[in-house]
Amino acid sequence: MKSYLFITLLAISFAVQAQSNTANYKYIIVPEKFSFLKQVNQYGLNTLTKALFEEKGFTVYFDNTEIPQEIAADRCKALTVDLQEKNSMFVTNLTLLLKDCKGAVVIKSKEGKSREKEYNTSYNLALRDAFTTFNDFSYSADQPTMVTSNLPVTANTNIETKTAPVHIDQPTATKPEQKEALLYAQAISNGYQLIDATPKIVMTLLKTSVEDCYISNNGNANGIVIKKNGNWFFEYYKNNVLVSEKLSIKF
């Protein structure tokens, strides 16, 4: 007896493959003045932003300096930083955005907050708080994988699925036990994208009507990511054999 649930979701995954366009980035461009401020490098935010990304191993330029020919010839080789402000009466709120050459937001930080009254201190603390989103991100010359991705094509996941008892009598290939690399779940409009520590987007998860079950694509295979006995697994078919890969995901 086949697993109706698995086959239904797998069929859907082929119909709504995530379009994951990846590119590697070494360079980051920081504006000399953020749009919500009146002065160049006001409160030292621009130099702080540059320094924080340089600490992660990236090559960072201000947009008013002479940039290398490699970037001048192709601005799509660099990401541009934007900073958004959303302050309340007592709290400074800043959000960091990394945008590609078309202006699309590639990575959005959490909203950094500070309740300090003195502007210079408050803005700096809020920026550093926002930057904690990038704590596990870095650029290495050996692994140049500051990876970006367009969000997956939105799928209509309000699909009635047959919930017959799951039973699979086909052979299942389970990969040898090894320590799984931790993947970070970043929310998108219709699910999550899983990012490793480089950061590289390695998989997309699309929501379904079944709890803890996602239509998934890792760029090579379509399948489902499902939670079983407290652990996450990526399951897909390869050469008519069901493969089950254990994942370590931090939501």
Protein backbone atom coordinates (compact mmCIF):
# COMPACT_ATOMS: atom_id res chain seq x y z
CA MET A 1 0.00 0.00 0.00
CA LYS A 2 1.44 3.35 -1.02
CA SER A 3 1.68 6.45 1.11
CA TYR A 4 -1.07 8.65 -0.30
CA LEU A 5 0.08 11.64 1.70
CA PHE A 6 3.69 11.43 0.54
CA ILE A 7 2.85 10.90 -3.11
CA THR A 8 0.30 13.73 -3.12
CA LEU A 9 2.78 16.17 -1.62
CA LEU A 10 5.59 14.98 -3.87
CA ALA A 11 3.43 15.53 -6.93
CA ILE A 12 2.66 19.05 -5.74
CA SER A 13 6.34 19.74 -5.21
CA PHE A 14 7.12 19.01 -8.85
CA ALA A 15 4.35 21.37 -9.91
CA VAL A 16 5.56 24.25 -7.75
CA GLN A 17 9.34 23.90 -7.81
CA ALA A 18 11.08 26.64 -5.86
CA GLN A 19 13.04 28.92 -8.15
CA SER A 20 16.29 29.33 -6.21
CA ASN A 21 18.66 31.62 -8.11
CA THR A 22 21.91 31.65 -6.20
CA ALA A 23 24.95 33.88 -6.55
CA ASN A 24 28.07 34.39 -4.48
CA TYR A 25 28.98 37.75 -3.03
CA LYS A 26 32.27 39.08 -1.74
CA TYR A 27 31.56 42.81 -1.87
CA ILE A 28 29.19 44.99 0.11
CA ILE A 29 28.48 48.67 -0.58
CA VAL A 30 27.45 50.98 2.25
CA PRO A 31 25.90 54.41 1.46
CA GLU A 32 27.66 57.44 2.91
CA LYS A 33 24.30 58.62 4.29
CA PHE A 34 21.23 56.59 5.15
CA SER A 35 17.99 58.00 3.74
CA PHE A 36 16.29 58.71 7.08
CA LEU A 37 19.22 60.81 8.35
CA LYS A 38 20.17 64.39 7.47
CA GLN A 39 23.95 64.17 7.60
CA VAL A 40 26.69 61.98 6.14
CA ASN A 41 27.62 59.23 8.59
CA GLN A 42 25.31 60.70 11.22
CA TYR A 43 25.74 59.04 14.65
CA GLY A 44 28.60 57.05 13.05
CA LEU A 45 26.10 54.51 11.67
CA ASN A 46 27.69 54.21 8.25
CA THR A 47 31.23 53.59 9.49
CA LEU A 48 29.88 51.17 12.09
CA THR A 49 27.96 49.24 9.43
CA LYS A 50 31.10 49.04 7.29
CA ALA A 51 33.20 47.85 10.21
CA LEU A 52 30.68 45.17 11.26
CA PHE A 53 30.60 43.57 7.80
CA GLU A 54 34.38 43.82 7.48
CA GLU A 55 34.66 41.85 10.72
CA LYS A 56 32.74 39.10 8.93
CA GLY A 57 35.37 38.97 6.18
CA PHE A 58 33.58 40.96 3.48
CA THR A 59 35.19 43.66 1.37
CA VAL A 60 33.16 46.79 2.02
CA TYR A 61 33.14 50.13 0.17
CA PHE A 62 31.29 53.37 0.69
CA ASP A 63 29.20 54.34 -2.32
CA ASN A 64 31.03 57.66 -2.68
CA THR A 65 34.49 56.09 -3.06
CA GLU A 66 36.16 54.72 -6.14
CA ILE A 67 35.10 51.10 -6.31
CA PRO A 68 37.14 48.35 -8.04
CA GLN A 69 36.70 47.80 -11.76
CA GLU A 70 35.23 44.37 -11.04
CA ILE A 71 32.24 45.99 -9.30
CA ALA A 72 32.07 49.05 -11.57
CA ALA A 73 31.71 46.74 -14.57
CA ASP A 74 29.08 44.62 -12.88
CA ARG A 75 27.26 46.06 -9.86
CA CYS A 76 25.42 42.76 -9.50
CA LYS A 77 28.57 41.34 -7.91
CA ALA A 78 27.92 43.44 -4.80
CA LEU A 79 25.16 43.77 -2.24
CA THR A 80 24.04 47.21 -1.06
CA VAL A 81 23.15 47.97 2.54
CA ASP A 82 20.04 49.89 3.50
CA LEU A 83 18.94 50.84 6.98
CA GLN A 84 15.31 51.40 7.95
CA GLU A 85 14.14 53.35 10.97
CA LYS A 86 10.83 52.83 12.76
CA ASN A 87 11.05 54.69 16.05
CA SER A 88 8.50 55.05 18.78
CA MET A 89 8.47 57.62 21.56
CA PHE A 90 10.82 55.68 23.83
CA VAL A 91 12.45 53.07 21.56
CA THR A 92 14.88 53.33 18.64
CA ASN A 93 14.17 50.62 16.04
CA LEU A 94 16.54 49.85 13.15
CA THR A 95 16.40 47.11 10.51
CA LEU A 96 19.30 46.20 8.20
CA LEU A 97 18.54 45.21 4.61
CA LEU A 98 20.90 43.68 2.05
CA LYS A 99 19.74 44.35 -1.51
CA ASP A 100 20.92 43.06 -4.86
CA CYS A 101 21.64 45.19 -7.94
CA LYS A 102 17.92 45.20 -8.86
CA GLY A 103 16.88 46.53 -5.46
CA ALA A 104 15.38 43.25 -4.30
CA VAL A 105 15.80 42.51 -0.60
CA VAL A 106 18.03 39.47 -0.20
CA ILE A 107 18.35 39.34 3.58
CA LYS A 108 16.44 41.32 6.19
CA SER A 109 17.67 41.51 9.75
CA LYS A 110 15.57 41.44 12.84
CA GLU A 111 14.44 44.80 14.23
CA GLY A 112 17.23 46.06 16.46
CA LYS A 113 16.04 48.00 19.50
CA SER A 114 17.44 50.40 22.09
CA ARG A 115 15.79 52.38 24.86
CA GLU A 116 18.74 54.68 25.48
CA LYS A 117 17.78 58.36 25.49
CA GLU A 118 21.01 59.72 23.96
CA TYR A 119 20.73 59.47 20.16
CA ASN A 120 24.31 58.50 19.37
CA THR A 121 24.25 55.65 21.90
CA SER A 122 20.72 54.56 21.04
CA TYR A 123 21.27 54.32 17.28
CA ASN A 124 24.57 52.46 17.71
CA LEU A 125 23.06 49.94 20.12
CA ALA A 126 20.02 49.40 17.89
CA LEU A 127 22.28 48.79 14.86
CA ARG A 128 24.42 46.30 16.77
CA ASP A 129 21.27 44.53 17.96
CA ALA A 130 19.98 44.28 14.37
CA PHE A 131 23.36 42.96 13.22
CA THR A 132 23.10 39.96 15.55
CA THR A 133 21.04 38.43 12.73
CA PHE A 134 24.36 38.06 10.88
CA ASN A 135 26.26 36.47 13.77
CA ASP A 136 26.61 33.15 11.96
CA PHE A 137 27.32 34.71 8.56
CA SER A 138 30.82 35.19 7.20
CA TYR A 139 32.80 35.39 4.00
CA SER A 140 35.78 33.14 3.43
CA ALA A 141 38.05 33.24 0.40
CA ASP A 142 37.99 29.43 0.46
CA GLN A 143 34.19 29.37 0.57
CA PRO A 144 32.86 32.55 -1.07
CA THR A 145 29.25 31.83 -0.34
CA MET A 146 27.38 34.88 0.80
CA VAL A 147 24.42 33.47 -1.04
CA THR A 148 21.26 35.18 -2.11
CA SER A 149 18.05 33.85 -3.51
CA ASN A 150 14.83 35.10 -5.01
CA LEU A 151 11.90 33.97 -2.91
CA PRO A 152 10.29 30.75 -4.15
CA VAL A 153 7.30 31.02 -6.43
CA THR A 154 4.22 31.41 -4.24
CA ALA A 155 2.19 28.24 -4.26
CA ASN A 156 -1.40 27.70 -3.32
CA THR A 157 -1.03 25.28 -0.46
CA ASN A 158 -4.68 25.18 0.55
CA ILE A 159 -4.98 21.73 -0.96
CA GLU A 160 -7.05 18.93 0.42
CA THR A 161 -4.76 15.96 0.99
CA LYS A 162 -5.85 12.41 1.60
CA THR A 163 -4.98 11.44 5.13
CA ALA A 164 -5.02 7.68 4.72
CA PRO A 165 -2.72 5.87 7.18
CA VAL A 166 0.87 6.23 6.10
CA HIS A 167 2.45 2.96 5.14
CA ILE A 168 5.30 2.54 2.69
CA ASP A 169 6.26 -0.91 1.48
CA GLN A 170 8.95 0.39 -0.85
CA PRO A 171 12.65 0.12 0.00
CA THR A 172 13.94 3.09 1.94
CA ALA A 173 17.51 4.31 1.78
CA THR A 174 18.70 6.05 4.93
CA LYS A 175 21.99 7.88 4.69
CA PRO A 176 24.74 6.84 7.15
CA GLU A 177 24.58 8.53 10.54
CA GLN A 178 26.68 11.67 10.69
CA LYS A 179 26.49 15.00 12.46
CA GLU A 180 24.07 17.15 10.50
CA ALA A 181 25.06 20.76 9.79
CA LEU A 182 22.74 23.17 11.59
CA LEU A 183 20.36 24.94 9.23
CA TYR A 184 18.62 28.21 10.11
CA ALA A 185 14.99 28.65 9.07
CA GLN A 186 14.32 32.12 7.65
CA ALA A 187 10.63 32.92 7.21
CA ILE A 188 9.34 33.79 3.73
CA SER A 189 5.81 34.53 2.55
CA ASN A 190 4.79 30.92 2.00
CA GLY A 191 7.12 28.97 4.26
CA TYR A 192 10.83 29.04 5.05
CA GLN A 193 14.22 29.00 3.39
CA LEU A 194 16.93 27.02 5.17
CA ILE A 195 20.30 28.76 5.41
CA ASP A 196 23.60 27.31 6.55
CA ALA A 197 26.28 29.25 8.42
CA THR A 198 28.11 30.60 5.36
CA PRO A 199 25.21 31.74 4.72
CA LYS A 200 23.97 29.69 1.77
CA ILE A 201 20.35 28.94 1.02
CA VAL A 202 20.29 25.15 0.79
CA MET A 203 16.59 24.35 0.72
CA THR A 204 13.12 25.89 0.50
CA LEU A 205 10.12 24.72 2.51
CA LEU A 206 6.58 25.46 1.35
CA LYS A 207 3.73 25.22 3.84
CA THR A 208 1.04 22.57 3.50
CA SER A 209 -2.21 21.97 5.35
CA VAL A 210 -0.47 19.24 7.36
CA GLU A 211 1.33 20.31 10.54
CA ASP A 212 5.14 19.88 10.49
CA CYS A 213 5.13 18.85 6.85
CA TYR A 214 6.55 20.99 4.03
CA ILE A 215 6.94 20.62 0.28
CA SER A 216 10.67 20.97 -0.25
CA ASN A 217 13.36 21.44 -2.88
CA ASN A 218 17.12 21.48 -2.35
CA GLY A 219 18.08 22.35 -5.91
CA ASN A 220 18.63 18.71 -6.82
CA ALA A 221 15.55 16.87 -5.59
CA ASN A 222 11.89 17.50 -4.82
CA GLY A 223 10.28 15.94 -1.79
CA ILE A 224 8.92 16.74 1.63
CA VAL A 225 10.44 17.81 4.93
CA ILE A 226 8.56 16.16 7.77
CA LYS A 227 8.94 15.90 11.54
CA LYS A 228 9.00 12.38 12.94
CA ASN A 229 9.67 11.45 16.57
CA GLY A 230 10.99 14.93 17.28
CA ASN A 231 13.44 14.95 14.34
CA TRP A 232 13.24 16.53 10.88
CA PHE A 233 13.75 14.48 7.72
CA PHE A 234 13.99 15.36 4.02
CA GLU A 235 12.37 12.53 2.07
CA TYR A 236 12.46 12.11 -1.70
CA TYR A 237 12.69 9.44 -4.37
CA LYS A 238 15.94 8.58 -6.15
CA ASN A 239 15.95 5.79 -8.73
CA ASN A 240 12.55 4.65 -7.40
CA VAL A 241 13.95 4.30 -3.88
CA LEU A 242 12.70 6.48 -1.03
CA VAL A 243 15.64 8.36 0.51
CA SER A 244 15.35 9.82 4.00
CA GLU A 245 17.90 12.43 5.12
CA LYS A 246 17.94 13.65 8.72
CA LEU A 247 18.11 17.45 9.10
CA SER A 248 19.05 19.72 11.99
CA ILE A 249 16.87 22.84 11.75
CA LYS A 250 16.71 25.86 14.04
CA PHE A 251 13.41 27.74 13.65
